[in-house]
C-alpha atoms as a PDB file:
ATOM      1  CA  MET A   1       2.891 -16.896 -15.138  1.00  0.00           C
ATOM      2  CA  GLN A   2       6.657 -15.935 -13.527  1.00  0.00           C
ATOM      3  CA  LYS A   3       6.729 -13.723 -10.637  1.00  0.00           C
ATOM      4  CA  PHE A   4       8.696 -10.241 -10.892  1.00  0.00           C
ATOM      5  CA  ASP A   5      10.037  -8.385  -8.289  1.00  0.00           C
ATOM      6  CA  ARG A   6      13.447  -7.040  -9.593  1.00  0.00           C
ATOM      7  CA  LEU A   7      15.726  -7.537 -12.728  1.00  0.00           C
ATOM      8  CA  LYS A   8      18.954  -6.054 -13.382  1.00  0.00           C
ATOM      9  CA  ALA A   9      19.719  -6.938 -17.494  1.00  0.00           C
ATOM     10  CA  THR A  10      20.673  -5.871 -20.685  1.00  0.00           C
ATOM     11  CA  ALA A  11      18.086  -2.708 -22.186  1.00  0.00           C
ATOM     12  CA  ALA A  12      18.296  -2.853 -26.416  1.00  0.00           C
ATOM     13  CA  PRO A  13      16.686   0.034 -27.613  1.00  0.00           C
ATOM     14  CA  MET A  14      14.578   0.547 -30.398  1.00  0.00           C
ATOM     15  CA  LYS A  15      14.342   3.931 -31.250  1.00  0.00           C
ATOM     16  CA  ILE A  16      10.889   2.983 -33.657  1.00  0.00           C
ATOM     17  CA  ALA A  17       7.560   5.314 -32.654  1.00  0.00           C
ATOM     18  CA  ASN A  18       4.717   3.980 -33.835  1.00  0.00           C
ATOM     19  CA  ILE A  19       5.430   0.595 -33.961  1.00  0.00           C
ATOM     20  CA  ASP A  20       1.970  -1.463 -34.207  1.00  0.00           C
ATOM     21  CA  THR A  21       1.476  -5.464 -33.618  1.00  0.00           C
ATOM     22  CA  ASP A  22       1.299  -6.869 -37.096  1.00  0.00           C
ATOM     23  CA  MET A  23       5.055  -5.417 -36.215  1.00  0.00           C
ATOM     24  CA  ILE A  24       5.681  -7.162 -33.894  1.00  0.00           C
ATOM     25  CA  ILE A  25       3.964 -10.593 -34.745  1.00  0.00           C
ATOM     26  CA  PRO A  26       3.344 -10.682 -38.476  1.00  0.00           C
ATOM     27  CA  LYS A  27      -0.495 -11.447 -38.984  1.00  0.00           C
ATOM     28  CA  GLN A  28       0.767 -15.001 -40.368  1.00  0.00           C
ATOM     29  CA  PHE A  29       2.171 -16.145 -36.598  1.00  0.00           C
ATOM     30  CA  LEU A  30      -1.708 -15.758 -36.118  1.00  0.00           C
ATOM     31  CA  LYS A  31      -2.495 -19.175 -36.633  1.00  0.00           C
ATOM     32  CA  THR A  32      -2.241 -20.867 -33.362  1.00  0.00           C
ATOM     33  CA  ILE A  33      -3.909 -20.283 -30.003  1.00  0.00           C
ATOM     34  CA  LYS A  34      -0.994 -21.755 -28.051  1.00  0.00           C
ATOM     35  CA  ARG A  35       1.370 -19.143 -26.573  1.00  0.00           C
ATOM     36  CA  SER A  36       4.294 -20.880 -27.712  1.00  0.00           C
ATOM     37  CA  GLY A  37       6.975 -20.843 -30.958  1.00  0.00           C
ATOM     38  CA  LEU A  38       5.784 -16.900 -30.846  1.00  0.00           C
ATOM     39  CA  GLY A  39       9.409 -15.801 -30.062  1.00  0.00           C
ATOM     40  CA  LYS A  40      11.305 -16.802 -32.869  1.00  0.00           C
ATOM     41  CA  HIS A  41       8.904 -14.955 -34.936  1.00  0.00           C
ATOM     42  CA  LEU A  42       9.296 -11.712 -32.759  1.00  0.00           C
ATOM     43  CA  PHE A  43       9.921  -8.146 -35.315  1.00  0.00           C
ATOM     44  CA  ASP A  44      10.401 -10.968 -37.579  1.00  0.00           C
ATOM     45  CA  GLU A  45      10.037  -9.085 -40.565  1.00  0.00           C
ATOM     46  CA  MET A  46      12.828  -6.601 -39.609  1.00  0.00           C
ATOM     47  CA  ARG A  47      14.809  -9.342 -38.117  1.00  0.00           C
ATOM     48  CA  TYR A  48      15.042 -11.783 -41.229  1.00  0.00           C
ATOM     49  CA  THR A  49      15.534 -10.935 -44.977  1.00  0.00           C
ATOM     50  CA  ASP A  50      13.193 -14.136 -46.298  1.00  0.00           C
ATOM     51  CA  GLY A  51      12.140 -15.818 -42.735  1.00  0.00           C
ATOM     52  CA  VAL A  52      15.374 -17.177 -41.639  1.00  0.00           C
ATOM     53  CA  THR A  53      18.048 -15.025 -42.668  1.00  0.00           C
ATOM     54  CA  GLU A  54      18.770 -12.511 -40.149  1.00  0.00           C
ATOM     55  CA  ILE A  55      19.744  -8.674 -41.470  1.00  0.00           C
ATOM     56  CA  PRO A  56      22.512  -7.801 -39.075  1.00  0.00           C
ATOM     57  CA  ASP A  57      21.994  -4.399 -38.413  1.00  0.00           C
ATOM     58  CA  PHE A  58      18.485  -5.294 -36.836  1.00  0.00           C
ATOM     59  CA  VAL A  59      19.286  -4.514 -32.919  1.00  0.00           C
ATOM     60  CA  LEU A  60      18.019  -7.697 -31.973  1.00  0.00           C
ATOM     61  CA  ASN A  61      20.346  -9.406 -33.995  1.00  0.00           C
ATOM     62  CA  ARG A  62      23.404  -8.434 -32.533  1.00  0.00           C
ATOM     63  CA  GLU A  63      25.187  -8.864 -29.695  1.00  0.00           C
ATOM     64  CA  PRO A  64      24.588  -8.118 -26.265  1.00  0.00           C
ATOM     65  CA  TYR A  65      20.429  -7.582 -27.058  1.00  0.00           C
ATOM     66  CA  ARG A  66      19.806 -10.948 -28.642  1.00  0.00           C
ATOM     67  CA  LYS A  67      19.693 -11.824 -24.735  1.00  0.00           C
ATOM     68  CA  ALA A  68      18.112  -7.661 -24.001  1.00  0.00           C
ATOM     69  CA  GLU A  69      14.879  -8.835 -21.174  1.00  0.00           C
ATOM     70  CA  ILE A  70      14.583  -5.128 -20.960  1.00  0.00           C
ATOM     71  CA  LEU A  71      13.024  -3.525 -24.067  1.00  0.00           C
ATOM     72  CA  VAL A  72      13.172   0.594 -24.981  1.00  0.00           C
ATOM     73  CA  ALA A  73      11.431   2.129 -27.276  1.00  0.00           C
ATOM     74  CA  GLY A  74       9.585   4.975 -28.955  1.00  0.00           C
ATOM     75  CA  ASP A  75       6.289   6.510 -28.415  1.00  0.00           C
ATOM     76  CA  ASN A  76       2.851   4.495 -28.933  1.00  0.00           C
ATOM     77  CA  PHE A  77       4.280   0.851 -29.022  1.00  0.00           C
ATOM     78  CA  GLY A  78       1.786  -2.063 -29.189  1.00  0.00           C
ATOM     79  CA  CYS A  79      -0.671   0.614 -31.528  1.00  0.00           C
ATOM     80  CA  GLY A  80      -2.764  -1.491 -34.288  1.00  0.00           C
ATOM     81  CA  SER A  81      -4.888  -4.185 -34.107  1.00  0.00           C
ATOM     82  CA  SER A  82      -5.453  -5.953 -30.485  1.00  0.00           C
ATOM     83  CA  ARG A  83      -4.028  -9.628 -31.025  1.00  0.00           C
ATOM     84  CA  GLU A  84      -2.229 -10.997 -27.761  1.00  0.00           C
ATOM     85  CA  HIS A  85       0.311 -12.766 -28.899  1.00  0.00           C
ATOM     86  CA  ALA A  86       2.367  -9.521 -29.704  1.00  0.00           C
ATOM     87  CA  PRO A  87       3.234  -9.551 -25.694  1.00  0.00           C
ATOM     88  CA  TRP A  88       2.932 -13.491 -26.119  1.00  0.00           C
ATOM     89  CA  ALA A  89       6.076 -13.149 -28.435  1.00  0.00           C
ATOM     90  CA  LEU A  90       7.974 -10.103 -26.608  1.00  0.00           C
ATOM     91  CA  GLU A  91       7.696 -12.716 -23.140  1.00  0.00           C
ATOM     92  CA  GLN A  92       8.450 -15.756 -25.651  1.00  0.00           C
ATOM     93  CA  PHE A  93      11.402 -13.581 -27.049  1.00  0.00           C
ATOM     94  CA  GLY A  94      12.715 -12.948 -23.197  1.00  0.00           C
ATOM     95  CA  PHE A  95      11.201  -9.797 -22.573  1.00  0.00           C
ATOM     96  CA  ARG A  96      10.273  -8.685 -19.111  1.00  0.00           C
ATOM     97  CA  VAL A  97       9.778  -5.087 -19.247  1.00  0.00           C
ATOM     98  CA  LEU A  98       8.912  -2.383 -21.908  1.00  0.00           C
ATOM     99  CA  ILE A  99       9.677   0.934 -21.328  1.00  0.00           C
ATOM    100  CA  ALA A 100       8.050   3.792 -23.832  1.00  0.00           C
ATOM    101  CA  PRO A 101       6.328   7.226 -23.247  1.00  0.00           C
ATOM    102  CA  SER A 102       2.966   5.846 -24.049  1.00  0.00           C
ATOM    103  CA  PHE A 103       1.447   3.009 -25.448  1.00  0.00           C
ATOM    104  CA  ALA A 104      -1.534   1.683 -26.762  1.00  0.00           C
ATOM    105  CA  ASP A 105      -3.927   0.891 -24.757  1.00  0.00           C
ATOM    106  CA  ILE A 106      -5.069  -2.213 -25.094  1.00  0.00           C
ATOM    107  CA  PHE A 107      -1.877  -3.291 -25.883  1.00  0.00           C
ATOM    108  CA  PHE A 108      -0.767  -1.928 -22.433  1.00  0.00           C
ATOM    109  CA  ASN A 109      -3.081  -4.080 -20.793  1.00  0.00           C
ATOM    110  CA  ASN A 110      -2.360  -7.483 -22.629  1.00  0.00           C
ATOM    111  CA  CYS A 111       1.288  -6.706 -21.496  1.00  0.00           C
ATOM    112  CA  PHE A 112       0.572  -6.710 -17.536  1.00  0.00           C
ATOM    113  CA  LYS A 113      -2.145  -9.489 -17.886  1.00  0.00           C
ATOM    114  CA  ASN A 114       0.711 -11.976 -19.648  1.00  0.00           C
ATOM    115  CA  GLY A 115       3.700 -10.915 -16.923  1.00  0.00           C
ATOM    116  CA  LEU A 116       5.198  -8.184 -18.919  1.00  0.00           C
ATOM    117  CA  LEU A 117       5.847  -5.162 -17.172  1.00  0.00           C
ATOM    118  CA  ALA A 118       4.877  -1.725 -19.270  1.00  0.00           C
ATOM    119  CA  ILE A 119       6.897   1.407 -18.065  1.00  0.00           C
ATOM    120  CA  VAL A 120       5.717   4.473 -19.101  1.00  0.00           C
ATOM    121  CA  LEU A 121       8.241   7.160 -18.821  1.00  0.00           C
ATOM    122  CA  CYS A 122       8.957  10.985 -20.183  1.00  0.00           C
ATOM    123  CA  GLU A 123      10.204  11.397 -23.515  1.00  0.00           C
ATOM    124  CA  TYR A 124      13.600  13.149 -22.404  1.00  0.00           C
ATOM    125  CA  ASP A 125      14.018  10.274 -19.869  1.00  0.00           C
ATOM    126  CA  VAL A 126      12.768   7.373 -22.582  1.00  0.00           C
ATOM    127  CA  GLU A 127      15.762   9.164 -25.045  1.00  0.00           C
ATOM    128  CA  SER A 128      18.490   9.227 -22.289  1.00  0.00           C
ATOM    129  CA  LEU A 129      17.922   4.934 -22.137  1.00  0.00           C
ATOM    130  CA  MET A 130      17.759   4.836 -26.089  1.00  0.00           C
ATOM    131  CA  GLN A 131      21.439   6.819 -25.997  1.00  0.00           C
ATOM    132  CA  ASP A 132      22.824   4.900 -23.309  1.00  0.00           C
ATOM    133  CA  ALA A 133      21.969   1.741 -24.392  1.00  0.00           C
ATOM    134  CA  THR A 134      23.038   2.528 -27.841  1.00  0.00           C
ATOM    135  CA  ARG A 135      26.094   3.563 -27.207  1.00  0.00           C
ATOM    136  CA  HIS A 136      26.715   1.004 -24.441  1.00  0.00           C
ATOM    137  CA  PRO A 137      25.894  -2.488 -25.750  1.00  0.00           C
ATOM    138  CA  GLY A 138      24.869  -4.290 -22.706  1.00  0.00           C
ATOM    139  CA  PHE A 139      24.040  -1.520 -20.571  1.00  0.00           C
ATOM    140  CA  ALA A 140      22.135  -2.528 -17.924  1.00  0.00           C
ATOM    141  CA  LEU A 141      19.026  -0.904 -16.184  1.00  0.00           C
ATOM    142  CA  GLN A 142      17.458  -2.735 -12.770  1.00  0.00           C
ATOM    143  CA  VAL A 143      13.768  -2.349 -12.372  1.00  0.00           C
ATOM    144  CA  ASP A 144      12.793  -2.998  -8.547  1.00  0.00           C
ATOM    145  CA  LEU A 145       8.680  -3.057  -8.789  1.00  0.00           C
ATOM    146  CA  PRO A 146       8.442  -3.132  -5.030  1.00  0.00           C
ATOM    147  CA  LEU A 147       9.984   0.495  -4.937  1.00  0.00           C
ATOM    148  CA  GLN A 148       9.087   1.362  -8.144  1.00  0.00           C
ATOM    149  CA  THR A 149      12.119   2.743  -9.842  1.00  0.00           C
ATOM    150  CA  LEU A 150      14.582   2.220 -12.520  1.00  0.00           C
ATOM    151  CA  THR A 151      18.512   2.495 -11.988  1.00  0.00           C
ATOM    152  CA  THR A 152      20.979   2.862 -14.386  1.00  0.00           C
ATOM    153  CA  PRO A 153      24.766   1.825 -14.506  1.00  0.00           C
ATOM    154  CA  ASP A 154      25.362   4.984 -12.526  1.00  0.00           C
ATOM    155  CA  GLY A 155      23.047   5.529 -10.177  1.00  0.00           C
ATOM    156  CA  ALA A 156      20.805   7.318 -11.336  1.00  0.00           C
ATOM    157  CA  SER A 157      17.134   6.453 -10.353  1.00  0.00           C
ATOM    158  CA  LEU A 158      13.931   7.309 -12.100  1.00  0.00           C
ATOM    159  CA  HIS A 159      10.313   6.577 -10.600  1.00  0.00           C
ATOM    160  CA  PHE A 160       7.220   4.660 -12.636  1.00  0.00           C
ATOM    161  CA  GLU A 161       4.237   4.538 -11.746  1.00  0.00           C
ATOM    162  CA  VAL A 162       2.198   1.460 -11.929  1.00  0.00           C
ATOM    163  CA  GLN A 163      -1.813   0.970 -10.960  1.00  0.00           C
ATOM    164  CA  PRO A 164      -1.739  -0.853  -7.573  1.00  0.00           C
ATOM    165  CA  GLN A 165      -3.759  -4.003  -8.468  1.00  0.00           C
ATOM    166  CA  ARG A 166      -1.422  -4.910 -11.171  1.00  0.00           C
ATOM    167  CA  LYS A 167       1.721  -4.351  -9.652  1.00  0.00           C
ATOM    168  CA  ASP A 168       0.417  -7.012  -7.112  1.00  0.00           C
ATOM    169  CA  LEU A 169      -0.717  -9.916  -9.529  1.00  0.00           C
ATOM    170  CA  LEU A 170       3.416  -9.354 -10.991  1.00  0.00           C
ATOM    171  CA  LEU A 171       4.594  -9.948  -7.263  1.00  0.00           C
ATOM    172  CA  ARG A 172       2.321 -12.659  -6.677  1.00  0.00           C
ATOM    173  CA  GLY A 173       2.993 -14.138 -10.764  1.00  0.00           C
ATOM    174  CA  LEU A 174      -1.154 -14.435 -11.023  1.00  0.00           C
ATOM    175  CA  ASP A 175      -2.901 -13.689 -14.228  1.00  0.00           C
ATOM    176  CA  GLU A 176      -6.574 -11.894 -13.663  1.00  0.00           C
ATOM    177  CA  ILE A 177      -8.224 -15.346 -13.572  1.00  0.00           C
ATOM    178  CA  ARG A 178      -5.533 -17.262 -10.889  1.00  0.00           C
ATOM    179  CA  SER A 179      -6.264 -14.082  -8.522  1.00  0.00           C
ATOM    180  CA  THR A 180     -10.085 -14.388  -8.487  1.00  0.00           C
ATOM    181  CA  MET A 181      -9.374 -18.527  -7.935  1.00  0.00           C
ATOM    182  CA  GLU A 182      -8.206 -17.587  -4.441  1.00  0.00           C
ATOM    183  CA  LEU A 183     -11.749 -16.694  -3.700  1.00  0.00           C
ATOM    184  CA  ALA A 184     -13.141 -19.495  -4.709  1.00  0.00           C
ATOM    185  CA  THR A 185     -14.059 -20.395  -1.000  1.00  0.00           C
ATOM    186  CA  GLN A 186     -16.058 -16.931  -0.463  1.00  0.00           C
ATOM    187  CA  ILE A 187     -17.477 -17.630  -4.362  1.00  0.00           C
ATOM    188  CA  ARG A 188     -18.720 -20.818  -2.933  1.00  0.00           C
ATOM    189  CA  ASP A 189     -19.872 -19.678   0.032  1.00  0.00           C
ATOM    190  CA  PHE A 190     -22.068 -16.514  -2.123  1.00  0.00           C
ATOM    191  CA  GLU A 191     -23.293 -18.985  -4.356  1.00  0.00           C
END
Protein backbone atom coordinates (compact mmCIF):
# COMPACT_ATOMS: atom_id res chain seq x y z
CA MET A 1 0.00 0.00 0.00
CA GLN A 2 1.28 3.44 -0.89
CA LYS A 3 1.99 5.86 1.97
CA PHE A 4 -0.25 8.89 2.19
CA ASP A 5 0.65 12.14 3.90
CA ARG A 6 -0.01 15.15 1.66
CA LEU A 7 -1.47 15.51 -1.80
CA LYS A 8 -2.21 18.43 -4.09
CA ALA A 9 -4.32 17.28 -7.01
CA THR A 10 -7.21 18.02 -9.35
CA ALA A 11 -10.66 17.35 -7.93
CA ALA A 12 -13.28 15.76 -10.17
CA PRO A 13 -16.91 16.64 -9.33
CA MET A 14 -19.48 13.85 -9.48
CA LYS A 15 -22.75 15.37 -8.35
CA ILE A 16 -24.72 12.15 -8.01
CA ALA A 17 -26.14 10.80 -4.77
CA ASN A 18 -26.31 7.10 -3.96
CA ILE A 19 -23.57 5.93 -6.31
CA ASP A 20 -23.53 2.23 -5.55
CA THR A 21 -20.71 -0.26 -5.91
CA ASP A 22 -22.25 -1.71 -9.09
CA MET A 23 -22.02 1.74 -10.68
CA ILE A 24 -18.42 2.05 -9.48
CA ILE A 25 -17.40 -1.37 -10.88
CA PRO A 26 -20.15 -3.34 -12.65
CA LYS A 27 -20.67 -6.99 -11.77
CA GLN A 28 -19.20 -8.41 -15.00
CA PHE A 29 -15.75 -7.25 -13.88
CA LEU A 30 -15.84 -9.09 -10.55
CA LYS A 31 -14.50 -12.37 -11.92
CA THR A 32 -11.03 -11.65 -10.61
CA ILE A 33 -9.53 -11.58 -7.15
CA LYS A 34 -6.43 -9.84 -8.50
CA ARG A 35 -6.02 -6.22 -7.58
CA SER A 36 -5.18 -5.18 -11.12
CA GLY A 37 -6.91 -4.20 -14.34
CA LEU A 38 -10.02 -2.71 -12.73
CA GLY A 39 -9.27 1.01 -13.15
CA LYS A 40 -10.16 0.95 -16.85
CA HIS A 41 -13.63 -0.34 -15.93
CA LEU A 42 -14.33 2.26 -13.23
CA PHE A 43 -17.84 3.69 -13.79
CA ASP A 44 -17.91 1.57 -16.97
CA GLU A 45 -21.61 1.97 -17.73
CA MET A 46 -21.44 5.73 -17.22
CA ARG A 47 -18.14 6.18 -19.12
CA TYR A 48 -18.73 4.04 -22.21
CA THR A 49 -21.61 3.27 -24.57
CA ASP A 50 -20.35 -0.20 -25.47
CA GLY A 51 -17.47 -0.79 -23.09
CA VAL A 52 -15.12 1.02 -25.50
CA THR A 53 -16.65 4.22 -26.91
CA GLU A 54 -16.40 7.05 -24.40
CA ILE A 55 -19.42 9.14 -23.48
CA PRO A 56 -17.99 12.67 -23.95
CA ASP A 57 -20.15 14.31 -21.27
CA PHE A 58 -18.99 12.01 -18.47
CA VAL A 59 -16.69 13.95 -16.16
CA LEU A 60 -13.82 11.43 -16.12
CA ASN A 61 -13.74 11.39 -19.93
CA ARG A 62 -12.87 15.10 -20.04
CA GLU A 63 -9.64 16.93 -19.40
CA PRO A 64 -8.32 17.66 -16.83
CA TYR A 65 -10.44 15.19 -14.86
CA ARG A 66 -8.96 12.15 -16.62
CA LYS A 67 -6.00 12.44 -14.26
CA ALA A 68 -7.90 13.58 -11.16
CA GLU A 69 -6.74 12.07 -7.89
CA ILE A 70 -9.55 13.51 -5.78
CA LEU A 71 -13.22 12.67 -6.31
CA VAL A 72 -15.90 14.91 -4.82
CA ALA A 73 -19.14 12.92 -4.76
CA GLY A 74 -22.72 13.02 -3.56
CA ASP A 75 -24.27 11.59 -0.43
CA ASN A 76 -24.17 7.85 0.39
CA PHE A 77 -21.23 7.08 -1.91
CA GLY A 78 -20.40 3.38 -2.19
CA CYS A 79 -23.78 2.02 -1.14
CA GLY A 80 -24.99 -1.37 -2.38
CA SER A 81 -23.07 -4.62 -2.16
CA SER A 82 -19.87 -4.82 -0.17
CA ARG A 83 -17.52 -5.61 -3.06
CA GLU A 84 -13.93 -4.71 -2.32
CA HIS A 85 -13.41 -4.37 -6.06
CA ALA A 86 -14.96 -0.86 -5.84
CA PRO A 87 -12.09 0.73 -3.87
CA TRP A 88 -9.62 -1.30 -5.96
CA ALA A 89 -11.04 0.21 -9.17
CA LEU A 90 -11.00 3.75 -7.75
CA GLU A 91 -7.41 3.38 -6.57
CA GLN A 92 -6.29 1.80 -9.86
CA PHE A 93 -7.86 4.63 -11.84
CA GLY A 94 -5.67 6.99 -9.83
CA PHE A 95 -7.86 8.31 -7.03
CA ARG A 96 -6.20 8.79 -3.65
CA VAL A 97 -8.93 10.82 -1.90
CA LEU A 98 -12.73 10.59 -1.91
CA ILE A 99 -14.85 13.39 -0.45
CA ALA A 100 -18.59 13.09 0.22
CA PRO A 101 -21.21 14.04 2.82
CA SER A 102 -21.52 10.33 3.69
CA PHE A 103 -20.29 6.90 2.62
CA ALA A 104 -21.79 3.44 2.96
CA ASP A 105 -20.20 1.87 6.04
CA ILE A 106 -18.56 -1.22 4.50
CA PHE A 107 -17.31 0.76 1.50
CA PHE A 108 -15.88 3.42 3.84
CA ASN A 109 -13.96 0.77 5.79
CA ASN A 110 -12.74 -0.90 2.58
CA CYS A 111 -11.33 2.42 1.36
CA PHE A 112 -8.94 2.70 4.28
CA LYS A 113 -7.97 -0.98 3.99
CA ASN A 114 -6.91 -0.26 0.41
CA GLY A 115 -5.06 3.02 0.88
CA LEU A 116 -7.84 5.47 -0.07
CA LEU A 117 -8.52 8.41 2.21
CA ALA A 118 -12.30 8.84 2.51
CA ILE A 119 -13.22 12.28 3.88
CA VAL A 120 -16.65 13.13 5.23
CA LEU A 121 -17.60 16.81 5.06
CA CYS A 122 -20.93 18.54 5.57
CA GLU A 123 -23.20 18.83 2.52
CA TYR A 124 -22.63 22.59 2.27
CA ASP A 125 -18.84 22.18 2.01
CA VAL A 126 -19.10 19.29 -0.47
CA GLU A 127 -21.53 21.27 -2.64
CA SER A 128 -19.19 24.26 -2.58
CA LEU A 129 -16.22 22.10 -3.61
CA MET A 130 -18.29 20.54 -6.41
CA GLN A 131 -19.32 23.93 -7.74
CA ASP A 132 -15.73 25.18 -7.69
CA ALA A 133 -14.44 22.01 -9.41
CA THR A 134 -17.16 22.32 -12.07
CA ARG A 135 -16.66 26.05 -12.71
CA HIS A 136 -12.86 25.88 -12.67
CA PRO A 137 -11.56 22.72 -14.43
CA GLY A 138 -8.21 21.88 -12.92
CA PHE A 139 -9.43 23.05 -9.48
CA ALA A 140 -6.79 21.57 -7.18
CA LEU A 141 -7.22 20.77 -3.53
CA GLN A 142 -4.43 20.25 -1.06
CA VAL A 143 -4.99 17.43 1.42
CA ASP A 144 -2.82 17.29 4.52
CA LEU A 145 -3.43 14.08 6.45
CA PRO A 146 -1.11 14.85 9.40
CA LEU A 147 -2.98 18.13 10.01
CA GLN A 148 -6.32 16.69 8.80
CA THR A 149 -6.97 19.70 6.59
CA LEU A 150 -8.24 20.28 3.09
CA THR A 151 -7.16 23.58 1.52
CA THR A 152 -8.72 25.23 -1.53
CA PRO A 153 -6.77 27.31 -4.09
CA ASP A 154 -7.99 30.53 -2.44
CA GLY A 155 -6.50 29.42 0.91
CA ALA A 156 -9.71 28.39 2.67
CA SER A 157 -9.08 25.47 4.97
CA LEU A 158 -11.50 22.77 6.06
CA HIS A 159 -10.83 20.34 8.91
CA PHE A 160 -11.78 16.68 8.57
CA GLU A 161 -11.88 13.82 11.04
CA VAL A 162 -10.14 10.47 10.67
CA GLN A 163 -9.71 7.72 13.25
CA PRO A 164 -6.17 7.75 14.72
CA GLN A 165 -5.47 4.10 13.80
CA ARG A 166 -6.58 4.63 10.19
CA LYS A 167 -4.53 7.80 9.97
CA ASP A 168 -1.45 6.00 11.30
CA LEU A 169 -1.82 3.12 8.82
CA LEU A 170 -2.23 5.49 5.85
CA LEU A 171 0.76 7.57 6.93
CA ARG A 172 2.90 4.44 7.19
CA GLY A 173 1.48 2.78 4.06
CA LEU A 174 0.35 -0.32 5.92
CA ASP A 175 -2.80 -2.39 5.84
CA GLU A 176 -4.06 -4.11 8.98
CA ILE A 177 -2.26 -7.39 8.19
CA ARG A 178 1.13 -5.74 7.65
CA SER A 179 0.57 -3.73 10.81
CA THR A 180 -0.08 -6.94 12.73
CA MET A 181 3.03 -8.54 11.20
CA GLU A 182 5.12 -5.76 12.72
CA LEU A 183 4.29 -7.44 16.02
CA ALA A 184 5.46 -10.89 14.86
CA THR A 185 8.18 -11.12 17.53
CA GLN A 186 5.76 -10.27 20.35
CA ILE A 187 3.20 -12.72 18.92
CA ARG A 188 5.79 -15.54 18.79
CA ASP A 189 6.92 -14.71 22.34
CA PHE A 190 3.32 -14.85 23.54
CA GLU A 191 2.69 -18.17 21.81
